[in-house]
């Protein structure tokens, strides 16, 4: 992939219907950076399905990128990108048809907390983040004043792992994966051996493996 640095490429990413096109800016041990002419996209290598160079007839002029909003690092890595983006207004894409806008507030072993105007504290499994797009440092969500949308720390004590964090929500009403499926909204009854039991509105239980849970939040 290093042979394609500073060249126009098309990238197929898990969960995205259309390929991402832009200039390949940097490659780290577990993440790479694309600039599409407007913004920098940080994409974990875990979700790279295919990267190809755009041919001359397909290629577009993505321009010369400015300095990235995140501080440059000599050894680019997924965790370092999250740490650099902490407290910076960003857009994250997890899957489905929508992205979420807000701030990374905490980073744990295998998940991070993302604070947004819509979801408040959103707990995101690191393995399911498809892309991170940081905004200009002077930009705020929906042009809100900082007084109206401060970066609040999560009121819930944080565990080291995503499974342990879900255990803290046992007995509480939760929403999984942004509520994209009605069966993923309900009472979190238990978390045992990487499987959660979620009680739906009709009182019936659904069992979901932890590997297939992207996010969790309390409405």
N, C-alpha and C. Protein backbone atom coordinates (compact mmCIF):
# COMPACT_ATOMS: atom_id res chain seq x y z
N UNK A 1 0.82 -1.21 0.00
CA UNK A 1 0.00 0.00 0.00
C UNK A 1 0.85 1.26 0.00
N UNK A 2 2.06 1.17 0.54
CA UNK A 2 2.92 2.36 0.60
C UNK A 2 3.26 2.87 -0.80
N UNK A 3 3.20 2.00 -1.80
CA UNK A 3 3.46 2.43 -3.17
C UNK A 3 2.40 3.40 -3.68
N UNK A 4 1.25 3.41 -3.02
CA UNK A 4 0.14 4.27 -3.44
C UNK A 4 0.03 5.55 -2.62
N UNK A 5 0.99 5.80 -1.74
CA UNK A 5 0.97 7.04 -0.96
C UNK A 5 0.98 8.26 -1.88
N UNK A 6 0.15 9.23 -1.54
CA UNK A 6 0.01 10.48 -2.30
C UNK A 6 -0.58 10.28 -3.69
N UNK A 7 -1.24 9.13 -3.89
CA UNK A 7 -1.91 8.87 -5.14
C UNK A 7 -3.42 8.76 -4.91
N UNK A 8 -4.18 8.92 -5.99
CA UNK A 8 -5.63 8.82 -5.92
C UNK A 8 -6.04 7.34 -5.85
N UNK A 9 -6.86 7.03 -4.86
CA UNK A 9 -7.26 5.63 -4.65
C UNK A 9 -8.76 5.54 -4.41
N UNK A 10 -9.28 4.33 -4.55
CA UNK A 10 -10.66 4.02 -4.18
C UNK A 10 -10.59 2.93 -3.11
N UNK A 11 -11.34 3.13 -2.02
CA UNK A 11 -11.28 2.22 -0.89
C UNK A 11 -12.67 1.68 -0.58
N UNK A 12 -12.81 0.37 -0.56
CA UNK A 12 -14.06 -0.27 -0.13
C UNK A 12 -13.92 -0.59 1.36
N UNK A 13 -14.89 -0.12 2.14
CA UNK A 13 -14.85 -0.26 3.59
C UNK A 13 -16.09 -1.00 4.06
N UNK A 14 -15.93 -1.87 5.04
CA UNK A 14 -17.06 -2.62 5.59
C UNK A 14 -18.19 -1.67 6.00
N UNK A 15 -19.41 -2.01 5.61
CA UNK A 15 -20.57 -1.23 6.03
C UNK A 15 -20.90 -0.07 5.12
N UNK A 16 -20.00 0.31 4.20
CA UNK A 16 -20.26 1.42 3.29
C UNK A 16 -20.62 0.87 1.91
N UNK A 17 -21.71 1.37 1.35
CA UNK A 17 -22.17 0.87 0.05
C UNK A 17 -21.27 1.33 -1.08
N UNK A 18 -20.79 2.56 -0.99
CA UNK A 18 -19.97 3.12 -2.07
C UNK A 18 -18.52 3.24 -1.60
N UNK A 19 -17.56 3.10 -2.52
CA UNK A 19 -16.16 3.25 -2.13
C UNK A 19 -15.83 4.70 -1.78
N UNK A 20 -14.84 4.85 -0.92
CA UNK A 20 -14.31 6.17 -0.57
C UNK A 20 -13.19 6.51 -1.54
N UNK A 21 -13.25 7.67 -2.16
CA UNK A 21 -12.22 8.07 -3.11
C UNK A 21 -11.47 9.29 -2.58
N UNK A 22 -10.17 9.28 -2.77
CA UNK A 22 -9.37 10.39 -2.31
C UNK A 22 -7.89 10.08 -2.44
N UNK A 23 -7.07 10.90 -1.80
CA UNK A 23 -5.62 10.71 -1.82
C UNK A 23 -5.20 9.95 -0.57
N UNK A 24 -4.41 8.90 -0.77
CA UNK A 24 -3.88 8.15 0.37
C UNK A 24 -2.76 8.97 1.01
N UNK A 25 -3.00 9.44 2.22
CA UNK A 25 -2.08 10.38 2.87
C UNK A 25 -1.06 9.68 3.75
N UNK A 26 -1.51 8.68 4.51
CA UNK A 26 -0.60 8.05 5.48
C UNK A 26 -1.12 6.64 5.79
N UNK A 27 -0.21 5.77 6.22
CA UNK A 27 -0.54 4.40 6.61
C UNK A 27 0.17 4.09 7.91
N UNK A 28 -0.59 3.59 8.88
CA UNK A 28 0.00 3.18 10.15
C UNK A 28 -0.09 1.67 10.32
N UNK A 29 0.21 1.22 11.53
CA UNK A 29 0.20 -0.21 11.79
C UNK A 29 -1.20 -0.81 11.71
N UNK A 30 -2.22 -0.03 12.05
CA UNK A 30 -3.58 -0.56 12.06
C UNK A 30 -4.62 0.46 11.61
N UNK A 31 -4.17 1.51 10.92
CA UNK A 31 -5.09 2.56 10.46
C UNK A 31 -4.44 3.29 9.28
N UNK A 32 -5.26 3.86 8.39
CA UNK A 32 -4.72 4.66 7.30
C UNK A 32 -5.59 5.90 7.10
N UNK A 33 -5.06 6.86 6.32
CA UNK A 33 -5.70 8.17 6.19
C UNK A 33 -5.96 8.48 4.73
N UNK A 34 -7.20 8.90 4.44
CA UNK A 34 -7.59 9.33 3.10
C UNK A 34 -8.03 10.78 3.16
N UNK A 35 -7.62 11.59 2.18
CA UNK A 35 -8.10 12.97 2.07
C UNK A 35 -8.91 13.08 0.79
N UNK A 36 -10.20 13.45 0.94
CA UNK A 36 -11.10 13.44 -0.22
C UNK A 36 -11.22 14.82 -0.89
N UNK A 37 -10.31 15.72 -0.56
CA UNK A 37 -10.37 17.07 -1.11
C UNK A 37 -10.96 18.07 -0.15
N UNK A 38 -11.64 17.56 0.88
CA UNK A 38 -12.28 18.44 1.86
C UNK A 38 -11.88 18.08 3.29
N UNK A 39 -11.90 16.77 3.58
CA UNK A 39 -11.64 16.34 4.95
C UNK A 39 -10.75 15.10 4.98
N UNK A 40 -10.14 14.88 6.14
CA UNK A 40 -9.32 13.71 6.37
C UNK A 40 -10.17 12.62 7.01
N UNK A 41 -10.08 11.40 6.47
CA UNK A 41 -10.80 10.27 7.03
C UNK A 41 -9.79 9.24 7.55
N UNK A 42 -9.94 8.89 8.81
CA UNK A 42 -9.07 7.90 9.45
C UNK A 42 -9.83 6.58 9.48
N UNK A 43 -9.30 5.56 8.81
CA UNK A 43 -10.03 4.30 8.62
C UNK A 43 -9.21 3.15 9.19
N UNK A 44 -9.74 2.43 10.19
CA UNK A 44 -9.02 1.27 10.72
C UNK A 44 -8.82 0.20 9.64
N UNK A 45 -7.62 -0.37 9.60
CA UNK A 45 -7.31 -1.39 8.60
C UNK A 45 -8.20 -2.62 8.72
N UNK A 46 -8.73 -2.84 9.91
CA UNK A 46 -9.62 -3.98 10.15
C UNK A 46 -10.78 -4.00 9.16
N UNK A 47 -11.24 -2.81 8.72
CA UNK A 47 -12.42 -2.73 7.86
C UNK A 47 -12.08 -2.48 6.40
N UNK A 48 -10.80 -2.57 6.05
CA UNK A 48 -10.40 -2.42 4.65
C UNK A 48 -10.77 -3.68 3.88
N UNK A 49 -11.66 -3.56 2.91
CA UNK A 49 -12.02 -4.69 2.06
C UNK A 49 -11.19 -4.70 0.79
N UNK A 50 -10.96 -3.50 0.23
CA UNK A 50 -10.14 -3.41 -0.98
C UNK A 50 -9.67 -1.98 -1.18
N UNK A 51 -8.42 -1.83 -1.56
CA UNK A 51 -7.87 -0.52 -1.94
C UNK A 51 -7.23 -0.66 -3.30
N UNK A 52 -7.65 0.18 -4.24
CA UNK A 52 -7.08 0.16 -5.58
C UNK A 52 -6.75 1.58 -6.01
N UNK A 53 -5.79 1.70 -6.90
CA UNK A 53 -5.43 3.02 -7.43
C UNK A 53 -6.43 3.39 -8.52
N UNK A 54 -6.83 4.66 -8.51
CA UNK A 54 -7.72 5.16 -9.56
C UNK A 54 -6.92 5.36 -10.84
N UNK A 55 -7.46 4.89 -11.95
CA UNK A 55 -6.80 5.10 -13.23
C UNK A 55 -6.99 6.55 -13.68
N UNK A 56 -6.23 6.92 -14.67
CA UNK A 56 -6.24 8.32 -15.13
C UNK A 56 -7.64 8.79 -15.50
N UNK A 57 -8.42 7.94 -16.14
CA UNK A 57 -9.77 8.34 -16.57
C UNK A 57 -10.72 8.49 -15.39
N UNK A 58 -10.45 7.76 -14.29
CA UNK A 58 -11.32 7.83 -13.12
C UNK A 58 -10.86 8.88 -12.12
N UNK A 59 -9.59 9.20 -12.20
CA UNK A 59 -8.98 10.03 -11.17
C UNK A 59 -9.55 11.44 -11.17
N UNK A 60 -9.70 11.97 -9.98
CA UNK A 60 -10.16 13.34 -9.80
C UNK A 60 -9.05 14.13 -9.12
N UNK A 61 -9.12 15.45 -9.25
CA UNK A 61 -8.13 16.30 -8.60
C UNK A 61 -8.61 16.58 -7.18
N UNK A 62 -8.02 15.88 -6.21
CA UNK A 62 -8.42 16.07 -4.82
C UNK A 62 -7.65 17.21 -4.15
N UNK A 63 -6.83 17.88 -4.94
CA UNK A 63 -6.12 19.04 -4.44
C UNK A 63 -4.98 18.67 -3.51
N UNK A 64 -4.29 19.69 -3.04
CA UNK A 64 -3.18 19.50 -2.11
C UNK A 64 -3.73 19.66 -0.70
N UNK A 65 -3.71 18.61 0.11
CA UNK A 65 -4.29 18.71 1.45
C UNK A 65 -3.54 19.67 2.35
N UNK A 66 -4.28 20.36 3.21
CA UNK A 66 -3.66 21.19 4.22
C UNK A 66 -3.17 20.30 5.35
N UNK A 67 -2.64 20.93 6.39
CA UNK A 67 -2.21 20.16 7.55
C UNK A 67 -3.42 19.47 8.17
N UNK A 68 -3.32 18.19 8.52
CA UNK A 68 -4.45 17.51 9.14
C UNK A 68 -4.80 18.13 10.48
N UNK A 69 -6.09 18.09 10.87
CA UNK A 69 -6.50 18.70 12.14
C UNK A 69 -5.91 18.00 13.35
N UNK A 70 -5.58 16.70 13.22
CA UNK A 70 -4.94 15.98 14.31
C UNK A 70 -3.44 16.18 14.26
N UNK A 71 -2.80 16.23 15.41
CA UNK A 71 -1.36 16.40 15.46
C UNK A 71 -0.67 15.23 14.76
N UNK A 72 0.28 15.50 13.88
CA UNK A 72 0.98 14.40 13.20
C UNK A 72 1.79 13.58 14.20
N UNK A 73 1.89 12.30 13.96
CA UNK A 73 2.65 11.42 14.83
C UNK A 73 3.60 10.58 13.99
N UNK A 74 4.78 10.29 14.52
CA UNK A 74 5.76 9.54 13.74
C UNK A 74 5.29 8.11 13.51
N UNK A 75 4.55 7.53 14.47
CA UNK A 75 4.05 6.17 14.32
C UNK A 75 2.52 6.22 14.42
N UNK A 76 1.89 6.29 13.26
CA UNK A 76 0.44 6.39 13.21
C UNK A 76 -0.19 5.09 13.69
N UNK A 77 -1.13 5.18 14.63
CA UNK A 77 -1.85 4.00 15.11
C UNK A 77 -3.27 4.40 15.47
N UNK A 78 -4.14 3.43 15.50
CA UNK A 78 -5.56 3.63 15.82
C UNK A 78 -5.71 4.32 17.18
N UNK A 79 -5.05 3.78 18.22
CA UNK A 79 -5.19 4.36 19.56
C UNK A 79 -4.65 5.78 19.62
N UNK A 80 -3.52 6.05 18.94
CA UNK A 80 -2.97 7.41 18.95
C UNK A 80 -3.91 8.39 18.26
N UNK A 81 -4.58 7.93 17.19
CA UNK A 81 -5.56 8.78 16.50
C UNK A 81 -6.71 9.12 17.45
N UNK A 82 -7.22 8.13 18.18
CA UNK A 82 -8.30 8.38 19.14
C UNK A 82 -7.85 9.36 20.22
N UNK A 83 -6.64 9.16 20.72
CA UNK A 83 -6.13 10.06 21.77
C UNK A 83 -5.98 11.49 21.25
N UNK A 84 -5.49 11.64 20.02
CA UNK A 84 -5.33 12.97 19.43
C UNK A 84 -6.68 13.64 19.16
N UNK A 85 -7.70 12.81 18.86
CA UNK A 85 -9.02 13.35 18.53
C UNK A 85 -9.86 13.63 19.77
N UNK A 86 -9.39 13.22 20.92
CA UNK A 86 -10.15 13.40 22.16
C UNK A 86 -10.44 14.89 22.38
N UNK A 87 -11.73 15.22 22.58
CA UNK A 87 -12.13 16.60 22.82
C UNK A 87 -12.27 17.43 21.56
N UNK A 88 -12.03 16.84 20.39
CA UNK A 88 -12.17 17.57 19.12
C UNK A 88 -13.48 17.16 18.43
N UNK A 89 -14.23 18.13 17.95
CA UNK A 89 -15.48 17.83 17.25
C UNK A 89 -15.18 16.92 16.06
N UNK A 90 -15.85 15.78 16.00
CA UNK A 90 -15.58 14.79 14.97
C UNK A 90 -16.86 14.12 14.51
N UNK A 91 -16.76 13.45 13.39
CA UNK A 91 -17.83 12.62 12.86
C UNK A 91 -17.34 11.17 12.85
N UNK A 92 -18.15 10.27 13.39
CA UNK A 92 -17.78 8.86 13.35
C UNK A 92 -18.84 8.09 12.57
N UNK A 93 -18.36 7.11 11.83
CA UNK A 93 -19.26 6.23 11.08
C UNK A 93 -19.09 4.82 11.62
N UNK A 94 -20.20 4.22 12.04
CA UNK A 94 -20.15 2.90 12.66
C UNK A 94 -20.79 1.85 11.78
N UNK A 95 -21.81 2.22 11.03
CA UNK A 95 -22.52 1.30 10.17
C UNK A 95 -23.93 1.80 9.93
N UNK A 96 -24.66 1.14 9.06
CA UNK A 96 -26.00 1.60 8.75
C UNK A 96 -25.97 2.79 7.81
N UNK A 97 -26.96 3.65 7.94
CA UNK A 97 -27.10 4.77 7.00
C UNK A 97 -26.68 6.11 7.56
N UNK A 98 -26.31 6.17 8.82
CA UNK A 98 -26.04 7.48 9.42
C UNK A 98 -24.72 7.49 10.17
N UNK A 99 -24.20 8.68 10.34
CA UNK A 99 -23.01 8.89 11.15
C UNK A 99 -23.40 9.69 12.39
N UNK A 100 -22.48 9.80 13.32
CA UNK A 100 -22.74 10.49 14.58
C UNK A 100 -21.72 11.60 14.74
N UNK A 101 -22.18 12.76 15.20
CA UNK A 101 -21.30 13.92 15.39
C UNK A 101 -21.18 14.24 16.88
N UNK A 102 -19.96 14.52 17.31
CA UNK A 102 -19.75 14.86 18.71
C UNK A 102 -18.28 14.82 19.08
N UNK A 103 -17.99 14.39 20.31
CA UNK A 103 -16.63 14.41 20.84
C UNK A 103 -16.28 13.08 21.49
N UNK A 104 -15.04 12.63 21.31
CA UNK A 104 -14.53 11.52 22.10
C UNK A 104 -14.17 12.08 23.47
N UNK A 105 -14.71 11.47 24.53
CA UNK A 105 -14.44 11.97 25.88
C UNK A 105 -13.57 11.02 26.69
N UNK A 106 -13.65 9.72 26.44
CA UNK A 106 -12.86 8.74 27.19
C UNK A 106 -12.48 7.59 26.27
N UNK A 107 -11.29 7.02 26.51
CA UNK A 107 -10.81 5.89 25.71
C UNK A 107 -10.36 4.79 26.66
N UNK A 108 -10.99 3.63 26.55
CA UNK A 108 -10.67 2.50 27.42
C UNK A 108 -9.95 1.42 26.59
N UNK A 109 -9.91 0.19 27.10
CA UNK A 109 -9.14 -0.87 26.43
C UNK A 109 -9.67 -1.19 25.03
N UNK A 110 -10.98 -1.44 24.91
CA UNK A 110 -11.53 -1.85 23.63
C UNK A 110 -12.80 -1.09 23.26
N UNK A 111 -13.03 0.04 23.90
CA UNK A 111 -14.15 0.90 23.54
C UNK A 111 -13.83 2.34 23.91
N UNK A 112 -14.62 3.26 23.35
CA UNK A 112 -14.47 4.66 23.74
C UNK A 112 -15.85 5.28 23.93
N UNK A 113 -15.88 6.40 24.63
CA UNK A 113 -17.13 7.11 24.89
C UNK A 113 -17.19 8.31 23.97
N UNK A 114 -18.30 8.44 23.26
CA UNK A 114 -18.50 9.52 22.29
C UNK A 114 -19.71 10.33 22.75
N UNK A 115 -19.50 11.61 23.03
CA UNK A 115 -20.56 12.47 23.56
C UNK A 115 -21.15 13.30 22.42
N UNK A 116 -22.46 13.13 22.16
CA UNK A 116 -23.09 13.82 21.04
C UNK A 116 -24.38 14.50 21.49
N UNK A 117 -24.83 15.54 20.74
CA UNK A 117 -26.08 16.21 21.11
C UNK A 117 -27.28 15.28 21.09
N UNK A 118 -27.28 14.27 20.21
CA UNK A 118 -28.44 13.39 20.08
C UNK A 118 -28.42 12.25 21.09
N UNK A 119 -27.28 11.59 21.23
CA UNK A 119 -27.22 10.38 22.04
C UNK A 119 -26.60 10.59 23.42
N UNK A 120 -26.06 11.78 23.66
CA UNK A 120 -25.31 12.03 24.89
C UNK A 120 -24.14 11.05 24.96
N UNK A 121 -24.03 10.25 26.01
CA UNK A 121 -22.88 9.35 26.12
C UNK A 121 -23.14 8.07 25.35
N UNK A 122 -22.37 7.89 24.27
CA UNK A 122 -22.49 6.72 23.41
C UNK A 122 -21.23 5.88 23.60
N UNK A 123 -21.41 4.61 23.94
CA UNK A 123 -20.29 3.71 24.18
C UNK A 123 -20.05 2.91 22.90
N UNK A 124 -18.87 3.06 22.31
CA UNK A 124 -18.59 2.53 20.98
C UNK A 124 -17.51 1.46 21.06
N UNK A 125 -17.80 0.28 20.55
CA UNK A 125 -16.79 -0.78 20.47
C UNK A 125 -15.75 -0.40 19.42
N UNK A 126 -14.48 -0.44 19.78
CA UNK A 126 -13.42 -0.03 18.86
C UNK A 126 -13.40 -0.87 17.59
N UNK A 127 -13.78 -2.13 17.69
CA UNK A 127 -13.70 -3.01 16.52
C UNK A 127 -14.75 -2.67 15.48
N UNK A 128 -15.72 -1.82 15.83
CA UNK A 128 -16.80 -1.51 14.89
C UNK A 128 -16.73 -0.09 14.33
N UNK A 129 -15.74 0.70 14.73
CA UNK A 129 -15.59 2.03 14.13
C UNK A 129 -15.08 1.87 12.71
N UNK A 130 -15.84 2.39 11.73
CA UNK A 130 -15.44 2.27 10.32
C UNK A 130 -14.58 3.45 9.88
N UNK A 131 -14.91 4.66 10.37
CA UNK A 131 -14.09 5.82 10.02
C UNK A 131 -14.30 6.95 11.03
N UNK A 132 -13.26 7.75 11.18
CA UNK A 132 -13.28 8.93 12.06
C UNK A 132 -12.89 10.13 11.21
N UNK A 133 -13.72 11.17 11.25
CA UNK A 133 -13.45 12.38 10.47
C UNK A 133 -13.42 13.57 11.42
N UNK A 134 -12.24 14.05 11.81
CA UNK A 134 -12.17 15.22 12.68
C UNK A 134 -12.44 16.51 11.90
N UNK A 135 -13.12 17.44 12.55
CA UNK A 135 -13.41 18.73 11.94
C UNK A 135 -12.32 19.74 12.33
N UNK A 136 -12.41 20.89 11.72
CA UNK A 136 -11.52 21.99 12.08
C UNK A 136 -11.69 22.28 13.57
N UNK A 137 -10.60 22.57 14.29
CA UNK A 137 -10.68 22.78 15.73
C UNK A 137 -11.65 23.88 16.16
N UNK A 138 -11.94 24.84 15.28
CA UNK A 138 -12.84 25.93 15.65
C UNK A 138 -14.31 25.60 15.39
N UNK A 139 -14.58 24.43 14.81
CA UNK A 139 -15.95 24.05 14.49
C UNK A 139 -16.63 23.41 15.69
N UNK A 140 -17.94 23.69 15.87
CA UNK A 140 -18.72 23.06 16.94
C UNK A 140 -19.92 22.35 16.31
N UNK A 141 -20.47 21.33 16.99
CA UNK A 141 -21.61 20.59 16.42
C UNK A 141 -22.81 21.49 16.14
N UNK A 142 -23.30 21.45 14.92
CA UNK A 142 -24.50 22.18 14.52
C UNK A 142 -24.40 23.67 14.85
N UNK A 143 -23.17 24.18 14.88
CA UNK A 143 -22.89 25.59 15.20
C UNK A 143 -23.41 25.99 16.57
N UNK A 144 -23.54 25.01 17.48
CA UNK A 144 -23.99 25.31 18.84
C UNK A 144 -22.90 26.03 19.62
N UNK A 145 -23.31 26.94 20.49
CA UNK A 145 -22.36 27.57 21.39
C UNK A 145 -21.88 26.55 22.41
N UNK A 146 -20.65 26.71 22.87
CA UNK A 146 -20.10 25.78 23.85
C UNK A 146 -20.94 25.76 25.13
N UNK A 147 -21.60 26.90 25.46
CA UNK A 147 -22.42 26.92 26.66
C UNK A 147 -23.63 26.00 26.51
N UNK A 148 -24.14 25.88 25.26
CA UNK A 148 -25.31 25.03 25.01
C UNK A 148 -24.93 23.56 24.85
N UNK A 149 -23.71 23.31 24.44
CA UNK A 149 -23.27 21.93 24.30
C UNK A 149 -21.84 21.79 24.79
N UNK A 150 -21.67 21.79 26.11
CA UNK A 150 -20.32 21.61 26.66
C UNK A 150 -19.89 20.15 26.55
N UNK A 151 -18.60 19.92 26.60
CA UNK A 151 -18.09 18.54 26.59
C UNK A 151 -18.19 18.01 28.01
N UNK A 152 -19.27 17.32 28.29
CA UNK A 152 -19.50 16.82 29.64
C UNK A 152 -18.90 15.43 29.82
N UNK A 153 -18.23 15.21 30.93
CA UNK A 153 -17.77 13.84 31.19
C UNK A 153 -18.96 12.94 31.49
N UNK A 154 -18.83 11.66 31.13
CA UNK A 154 -19.92 10.75 31.37
C UNK A 154 -20.18 10.58 32.86
N UNK A 155 -21.45 10.58 33.29
CA UNK A 155 -21.74 10.43 34.71
C UNK A 155 -21.54 9.00 35.22
N UNK A 156 -21.42 8.04 34.30
CA UNK A 156 -21.28 6.64 34.68
C UNK A 156 -19.80 6.30 34.84
N UNK A 157 -19.48 5.57 35.91
CA UNK A 157 -18.10 5.12 36.07
C UNK A 157 -17.76 4.15 34.95
N UNK A 158 -16.55 4.23 34.45
CA UNK A 158 -16.16 3.45 33.28
C UNK A 158 -15.38 2.21 33.66
N UNK A 159 -15.66 1.12 32.94
CA UNK A 159 -14.91 -0.13 33.11
C UNK A 159 -13.79 -0.17 32.09
N UNK A 160 -12.92 -1.16 32.23
CA UNK A 160 -11.79 -1.27 31.32
C UNK A 160 -12.20 -1.83 29.96
N UNK A 161 -13.16 -2.77 29.94
CA UNK A 161 -13.54 -3.42 28.70
C UNK A 161 -15.01 -3.17 28.38
N UNK A 162 -15.36 -3.41 27.11
CA UNK A 162 -16.72 -3.20 26.65
C UNK A 162 -17.69 -4.15 27.36
N UNK A 163 -17.28 -5.40 27.54
CA UNK A 163 -18.15 -6.37 28.23
C UNK A 163 -18.40 -5.94 29.67
N UNK A 164 -17.35 -5.50 30.37
CA UNK A 164 -17.51 -5.05 31.76
C UNK A 164 -18.40 -3.82 31.83
N UNK A 165 -18.30 -2.95 30.81
CA UNK A 165 -19.14 -1.76 30.80
C UNK A 165 -20.61 -2.14 30.63
N UNK A 166 -20.89 -3.10 29.75
CA UNK A 166 -22.27 -3.55 29.58
C UNK A 166 -22.81 -4.17 30.86
N UNK A 167 -21.96 -4.85 31.61
CA UNK A 167 -22.40 -5.43 32.88
C UNK A 167 -22.90 -4.34 33.84
N UNK A 168 -22.30 -3.16 33.75
CA UNK A 168 -22.73 -2.06 34.62
C UNK A 168 -24.16 -1.61 34.30
N UNK A 169 -24.63 -1.95 33.09
CA UNK A 169 -25.97 -1.53 32.67
C UNK A 169 -27.03 -2.62 32.88
N UNK A 170 -26.65 -3.72 33.52
CA UNK A 170 -27.62 -4.77 33.79
C UNK A 170 -28.78 -4.22 34.61
N UNK A 171 -30.00 -4.56 34.19
CA UNK A 171 -31.19 -4.08 34.89
C UNK A 171 -31.66 -2.71 34.43
N UNK A 172 -30.99 -2.15 33.39
CA UNK A 172 -31.37 -0.82 32.90
C UNK A 172 -31.87 -0.90 31.46
N UNK A 173 -32.66 0.11 31.07
CA UNK A 173 -33.18 0.22 29.70
C UNK A 173 -32.08 0.80 28.81
N UNK A 174 -31.77 0.10 27.71
CA UNK A 174 -30.67 0.53 26.85
C UNK A 174 -31.07 0.45 25.38
N UNK A 175 -30.27 1.10 24.56
CA UNK A 175 -30.43 1.06 23.10
C UNK A 175 -29.11 0.58 22.51
N UNK A 176 -29.17 -0.47 21.69
CA UNK A 176 -27.98 -1.00 21.04
C UNK A 176 -27.93 -0.52 19.59
N UNK A 177 -26.73 -0.29 19.10
CA UNK A 177 -26.50 0.02 17.68
C UNK A 177 -27.38 1.17 17.20
N UNK A 178 -27.51 2.19 18.02
CA UNK A 178 -28.25 3.42 17.69
C UNK A 178 -29.74 3.16 17.45
N UNK A 179 -30.24 1.98 17.86
CA UNK A 179 -31.65 1.67 17.68
C UNK A 179 -32.03 1.37 16.25
N UNK A 180 -31.04 0.94 15.42
CA UNK A 180 -31.31 0.69 14.00
C UNK A 180 -32.28 -0.47 13.80
N UNK A 181 -32.41 -1.32 14.80
CA UNK A 181 -33.34 -2.45 14.74
C UNK A 181 -34.21 -2.43 16.00
N UNK A 182 -35.54 -2.53 15.86
CA UNK A 182 -36.40 -2.46 17.05
C UNK A 182 -36.11 -3.56 18.07
N UNK A 183 -35.54 -4.68 17.61
CA UNK A 183 -35.21 -5.76 18.53
C UNK A 183 -33.99 -5.49 19.38
N UNK A 184 -33.31 -4.36 19.13
CA UNK A 184 -32.12 -4.02 19.90
C UNK A 184 -32.37 -2.88 20.88
N UNK A 185 -33.62 -2.77 21.30
CA UNK A 185 -34.02 -1.77 22.30
C UNK A 185 -34.74 -2.51 23.41
N UNK A 186 -34.31 -2.34 24.66
CA UNK A 186 -35.01 -3.02 25.74
C UNK A 186 -34.24 -3.02 27.04
N UNK A 187 -34.66 -3.91 27.94
CA UNK A 187 -34.04 -4.03 29.25
C UNK A 187 -32.86 -5.00 29.17
N UNK A 188 -31.68 -4.53 29.54
CA UNK A 188 -30.51 -5.39 29.54
C UNK A 188 -30.56 -6.27 30.79
N UNK A 189 -30.95 -7.52 30.60
CA UNK A 189 -31.16 -8.41 31.74
C UNK A 189 -29.85 -8.98 32.27
N UNK A 190 -28.98 -9.43 31.35
CA UNK A 190 -27.73 -10.05 31.83
C UNK A 190 -26.66 -10.01 30.75
N UNK A 191 -25.41 -10.11 31.19
CA UNK A 191 -24.25 -10.24 30.31
C UNK A 191 -23.45 -11.42 30.83
N UNK A 192 -23.40 -12.51 30.05
CA UNK A 192 -22.73 -13.73 30.50
C UNK A 192 -21.97 -14.35 29.33
N UNK A 193 -20.68 -14.61 29.54
CA UNK A 193 -19.86 -15.33 28.56
C UNK A 193 -20.00 -14.75 27.15
N UNK A 194 -19.88 -13.42 27.04
CA UNK A 194 -19.92 -12.71 25.77
C UNK A 194 -21.29 -12.70 25.09
N UNK A 195 -22.33 -13.07 25.82
CA UNK A 195 -23.69 -13.04 25.28
C UNK A 195 -24.56 -12.21 26.21
N UNK A 196 -25.34 -11.28 25.62
CA UNK A 196 -26.25 -10.48 26.45
C UNK A 196 -27.68 -10.96 26.22
N UNK A 197 -28.49 -10.80 27.26
CA UNK A 197 -29.92 -11.07 27.17
C UNK A 197 -30.65 -9.74 27.25
N UNK A 198 -31.43 -9.46 26.22
CA UNK A 198 -32.16 -8.19 26.11
C UNK A 198 -33.65 -8.50 26.07
N UNK A 199 -34.40 -7.89 26.99
CA UNK A 199 -35.84 -8.12 27.07
C UNK A 199 -36.56 -7.03 26.29
N UNK A 200 -37.33 -7.43 25.27
CA UNK A 200 -38.04 -6.48 24.41
C UNK A 200 -39.35 -6.02 25.07
N UNK A 201 -40.08 -5.14 24.37
CA UNK A 201 -41.30 -4.56 24.91
C UNK A 201 -42.35 -5.61 25.22
N UNK A 202 -42.37 -6.70 24.45
CA UNK A 202 -43.38 -7.74 24.66
C UNK A 202 -42.99 -8.73 25.75
N UNK A 203 -41.85 -8.50 26.40
CA UNK A 203 -41.42 -9.37 27.48
C UNK A 203 -40.58 -10.54 27.05
N UNK A 204 -40.40 -10.72 25.74
CA UNK A 204 -39.59 -11.84 25.23
C UNK A 204 -38.12 -11.44 25.20
N UNK A 205 -37.26 -12.42 25.41
CA UNK A 205 -35.82 -12.18 25.45
C UNK A 205 -35.17 -12.45 24.10
N UNK A 206 -34.18 -11.66 23.78
CA UNK A 206 -33.32 -11.89 22.62
C UNK A 206 -31.89 -12.03 23.15
N UNK A 207 -31.10 -12.88 22.51
CA UNK A 207 -29.74 -13.12 22.94
C UNK A 207 -28.80 -12.69 21.80
N UNK A 208 -27.83 -11.84 22.13
CA UNK A 208 -26.94 -11.25 21.13
C UNK A 208 -25.50 -11.42 21.58
N UNK A 209 -24.65 -11.91 20.67
CA UNK A 209 -23.23 -12.06 20.99
C UNK A 209 -22.58 -10.68 21.03
N UNK A 210 -21.67 -10.53 21.97
CA UNK A 210 -21.03 -9.23 22.18
C UNK A 210 -20.30 -8.74 20.94
N UNK A 211 -19.75 -9.65 20.13
CA UNK A 211 -19.00 -9.25 18.94
C UNK A 211 -19.88 -8.51 17.93
N UNK A 212 -21.20 -8.65 18.04
CA UNK A 212 -22.10 -8.03 17.07
C UNK A 212 -22.81 -6.80 17.65
N UNK A 213 -22.29 -6.30 18.76
CA UNK A 213 -22.83 -5.07 19.34
C UNK A 213 -21.86 -3.94 19.03
N UNK A 214 -22.32 -2.96 18.29
CA UNK A 214 -21.46 -1.85 17.87
C UNK A 214 -21.43 -0.74 18.95
N UNK A 215 -22.62 -0.35 19.41
CA UNK A 215 -22.71 0.75 20.37
C UNK A 215 -23.79 0.44 21.39
N UNK A 216 -23.73 1.14 22.51
CA UNK A 216 -24.80 1.09 23.51
C UNK A 216 -24.94 2.47 24.14
N UNK A 217 -26.18 2.86 24.38
CA UNK A 217 -26.42 4.10 25.12
C UNK A 217 -27.73 4.00 25.86
N UNK A 218 -27.88 4.85 26.87
CA UNK A 218 -29.12 4.90 27.64
C UNK A 218 -29.90 6.14 27.21
N UNK A 219 -31.16 5.98 26.76
CA UNK A 219 -31.94 7.14 26.30
C UNK A 219 -32.33 8.03 27.48
